[in-house]
């Protein structure tokens, strides 16, 4: 599995399989949410580049806008529904607007997982229309079977 989040020629081919494009966007969203809001996670709480960079004036906002813009471009290429795009934009706007208020806004941005929420919205949209990427579905299937799986018989 590649963690490539770039917008290379994978979207350029108009004849490419729509599911392949959507699954590429799903993987990119996974990478962005991990980098932005879950680099270090303890239980349900996580912090990533977005939270750390929020404390550097200007840099946090630049990162937030760049990562959010990249998520929206991937969503556009995956042909996400208009309601998903609007929800993603709302999460990202709330996340980035908090960066404009010194100290208190930076603290809010550190704790508000806007990129994670936007990425999950995109992933749910893709899963509903195209299913999970095959490798992710296999991995989740292995985890579900786990230690206490039922034996056939």
Protein backbone atom coordinates (compact mmCIF):
# COMPACT_ATOMS: atom_id res chain seq x y z
CA UNK A 1 0.00 0.00 0.00
CA UNK A 2 1.37 3.38 -0.93
CA UNK A 3 1.07 6.46 1.26
CA UNK A 4 1.32 8.72 -1.78
CA UNK A 5 -0.98 11.72 -1.31
CA UNK A 6 0.15 13.59 -4.40
CA UNK A 7 -2.08 14.39 -7.33
CA UNK A 8 0.01 12.68 -9.97
CA UNK A 9 -1.19 11.13 -13.19
CA UNK A 10 -3.47 8.68 -11.36
CA UNK A 11 -6.35 11.12 -11.78
CA UNK A 12 -5.29 12.33 -15.23
CA UNK A 13 -6.54 9.34 -17.22
CA UNK A 14 -10.22 9.98 -18.04
CA UNK A 15 -10.67 6.28 -18.85
CA UNK A 16 -9.42 5.12 -15.44
CA UNK A 17 -11.74 3.05 -13.28
CA UNK A 18 -13.80 5.37 -11.02
CA UNK A 19 -13.38 2.91 -8.14
CA UNK A 20 -9.61 3.03 -8.50
CA UNK A 21 -9.68 6.83 -8.36
CA UNK A 22 -11.97 6.74 -5.33
CA UNK A 23 -9.79 4.20 -3.54
CA UNK A 24 -6.72 6.34 -4.23
CA UNK A 25 -8.55 9.27 -2.61
CA UNK A 26 -9.54 7.02 0.34
CA UNK A 27 -5.87 6.14 0.93
CA UNK A 28 -4.80 9.78 0.62
CA UNK A 29 -7.45 10.77 3.18
CA UNK A 30 -6.12 8.07 5.53
CA UNK A 31 -2.61 9.48 5.25
CA UNK A 32 -3.72 13.09 5.73
CA UNK A 33 -5.84 12.30 8.79
CA UNK A 34 -2.98 10.32 10.36
CA UNK A 35 -0.43 13.09 9.74
CA UNK A 36 -2.70 15.96 10.68
CA UNK A 37 -4.50 14.66 13.74
CA UNK A 38 -3.23 11.23 14.83
CA UNK A 39 0.58 11.14 14.68
CA UNK A 40 0.55 10.49 18.42
CA UNK A 41 -2.59 8.93 19.80
CA UNK A 42 -3.59 7.92 23.30
CA UNK A 43 -7.01 6.33 23.29
CA UNK A 44 -9.51 8.63 21.58
CA UNK A 45 -7.22 11.67 21.81
CA UNK A 46 -4.57 12.36 19.22
CA UNK A 47 -2.27 15.12 18.08
CA UNK A 48 -0.60 15.59 14.74
CA UNK A 49 1.14 18.18 12.63
CA UNK A 50 -1.93 20.41 12.60
CA UNK A 51 -1.98 20.67 16.39
CA UNK A 52 1.76 21.16 16.76
CA UNK A 53 2.09 23.70 13.95
CA UNK A 54 -0.93 25.65 15.22
CA UNK A 55 1.38 27.23 17.81
CA UNK A 56 3.65 28.71 15.12
CA UNK A 57 1.93 31.86 13.80
CA UNK A 58 1.20 31.57 10.10
CA UNK A 59 2.71 28.11 9.72
CA UNK A 60 -0.25 26.32 11.29
CA UNK A 61 -2.70 28.17 9.06
CA UNK A 62 -0.60 27.44 5.96
CA UNK A 63 -0.42 23.74 6.82
CA UNK A 64 -4.14 23.58 7.63
CA UNK A 65 -5.14 25.26 4.38
CA UNK A 66 -2.76 23.10 2.34
CA UNK A 67 -3.81 19.78 3.88
CA UNK A 68 -7.48 20.77 3.75
CA UNK A 69 -7.21 21.89 0.14
CA UNK A 70 -5.55 18.60 -0.76
CA UNK A 71 -8.38 16.67 0.92
CA UNK A 72 -10.96 18.64 -1.03
CA UNK A 73 -9.15 18.07 -4.32
CA UNK A 74 -9.05 14.33 -3.64
CA UNK A 75 -12.76 14.45 -2.77
CA UNK A 76 -13.49 16.25 -6.04
CA UNK A 77 -11.56 13.64 -8.04
CA UNK A 78 -13.36 10.84 -6.17
CA UNK A 79 -16.66 12.50 -7.14
CA UNK A 80 -17.80 12.84 -3.53
CA UNK A 81 -21.39 13.94 -3.07
CA UNK A 82 -22.11 17.66 -2.71
CA UNK A 83 -23.26 17.12 0.89
CA UNK A 84 -19.97 15.38 1.73
CA UNK A 85 -17.98 18.21 0.13
CA UNK A 86 -20.00 20.77 2.12
CA UNK A 87 -19.49 18.88 5.38
CA UNK A 88 -15.76 18.58 4.71
CA UNK A 89 -15.52 22.30 3.92
CA UNK A 90 -17.35 23.14 7.17
CA UNK A 91 -14.98 21.00 9.27
CA UNK A 92 -11.94 22.48 7.55
CA UNK A 93 -13.23 26.06 7.84
CA UNK A 94 -13.82 25.64 11.58
CA UNK A 95 -10.36 24.15 11.98
CA UNK A 96 -8.60 26.87 10.02
CA UNK A 97 -10.59 29.80 11.37
CA UNK A 98 -9.50 28.90 14.89
CA UNK A 99 -5.89 29.42 13.76
CA UNK A 100 -6.55 33.13 13.22
CA UNK A 101 -7.09 33.78 16.96
CA UNK A 102 -3.79 33.86 18.89
CA UNK A 103 -3.31 31.51 21.85
CA UNK A 104 -6.94 30.48 22.55
CA UNK A 105 -7.54 29.70 18.86
CA UNK A 106 -4.30 27.78 18.68
CA UNK A 107 -5.34 25.70 21.69
CA UNK A 108 -8.70 24.97 20.05
CA UNK A 109 -6.94 24.00 16.81
CA UNK A 110 -4.66 21.65 18.73
CA UNK A 111 -7.66 19.79 20.12
CA UNK A 112 -10.13 20.06 17.21
CA UNK A 113 -9.56 17.22 14.71
CA UNK A 114 -10.94 19.00 11.65
CA UNK A 115 -8.79 17.20 9.09
CA UNK A 116 -9.61 13.86 10.68
CA UNK A 117 -13.35 14.60 10.57
CA UNK A 118 -13.17 15.77 6.95
CA UNK A 119 -11.11 12.73 5.92
CA UNK A 120 -13.56 10.36 7.64
CA UNK A 121 -16.48 12.02 5.86
CA UNK A 122 -14.74 11.47 2.52
CA UNK A 123 -13.88 7.88 3.38
CA UNK A 124 -17.46 7.07 4.38
CA UNK A 125 -18.72 8.57 1.11
CA UNK A 126 -16.26 6.46 -0.87
CA UNK A 127 -17.06 3.29 1.10
CA UNK A 128 -20.78 3.77 0.47
CA UNK A 129 -20.30 4.08 -3.28
CA UNK A 130 -17.25 1.91 -4.03
CA UNK A 131 -16.56 -0.17 -0.93
CA UNK A 132 -13.26 -0.28 0.88
CA UNK A 133 -9.99 -0.58 -1.00
CA UNK A 134 -9.26 -4.29 -1.34
CA UNK A 135 -6.12 -4.31 0.82
CA UNK A 136 -7.89 -2.41 3.62
CA UNK A 137 -10.89 -4.76 3.48
CA UNK A 138 -8.57 -7.78 3.77
CA UNK A 139 -6.73 -6.24 6.71
CA UNK A 140 -9.98 -5.41 8.51
CA UNK A 141 -11.23 -8.93 7.85
CA UNK A 142 -8.12 -10.37 9.51
CA UNK A 143 -8.61 -8.14 12.54
CA UNK A 144 -12.28 -9.17 12.88
CA UNK A 145 -11.45 -12.86 12.87
CA UNK A 146 -8.92 -12.29 15.63
CA UNK A 147 -8.37 -14.46 18.64
CA UNK A 148 -11.99 -15.30 19.46
CA UNK A 149 -13.37 -16.07 16.03
CA UNK A 150 -15.97 -18.76 15.54
CA UNK A 151 -14.82 -21.93 13.98
CA UNK A 152 -16.91 -23.35 11.15
CA UNK A 153 -18.57 -26.60 11.79
